[in-house]
Amino acid sequence: MRTRPAEDALWTQAYQSRAEKLGTSQSWALSGRLAISDGKDGGSGSLSWSQEGQETMMSFRGALGKGAWQLQSDADGARLELADGAVSFAPSVRELVLEHVGWKVPVDALAWWIKGLAQPGKWEARTLDEEGRLIDLRQSGWEVKFANYSGPADASLPRKLSARRGPYLVKMVVREWTLGPEVLAVD
């Protein structure tokens, strides 16, 4: 029977292996659901998100088409188009989302978290399972929970994520994952 420290070392090694494989993936896409709340107001709907290198495309449709938007970003900046045709620009997705949502949605970190990885840099605490997958993470003041991983062990991806910081909450449920080249086709 192995001792707990030996298991933890194996789990950490498995996490590092997953992080090397998934962290270097420059092309990925997902479709699912997104919900955000600031403790008073919020919204939810369908989300399509694709990443190809520095290019990001997100498409959101709320219930009955309310709150629909499309976001595109690349090295030159970010562009947000709302359902009413209004268009906004900003130097980064983070700044654009802050302007429209009014609070700091951790978009940069979400691109890592949704793959079951800590954003590169410091993290305060984490819990891994025996296959090296994140179960809980505390990073940049956010409490993140991961669930329902699927796929091969060294590349398994979470199907559920919730991130909370004070009254702020972001939840994602992924219906479909795509890893690999040419994934920027978002509906």
Foldseek 3Di string as FASTA:
>chain_A
DDDPVVLVVLLQVLQVLLCVVVVPFQWKKFKFKKWKDLLPDIFMFIWIWIGHHQWIWMWTAGVVRPFTKIKIDGCQWIWIATPVGDIDTDRYPQVVCCVVVVDGDPVVQCVQVQQQHGDPDDWDDFDTDSLNGTQWTGGPQKIKGFDDWDDDSSRTGTQWMWIDHVSIIMITGTPDMDTDPDPPDDD
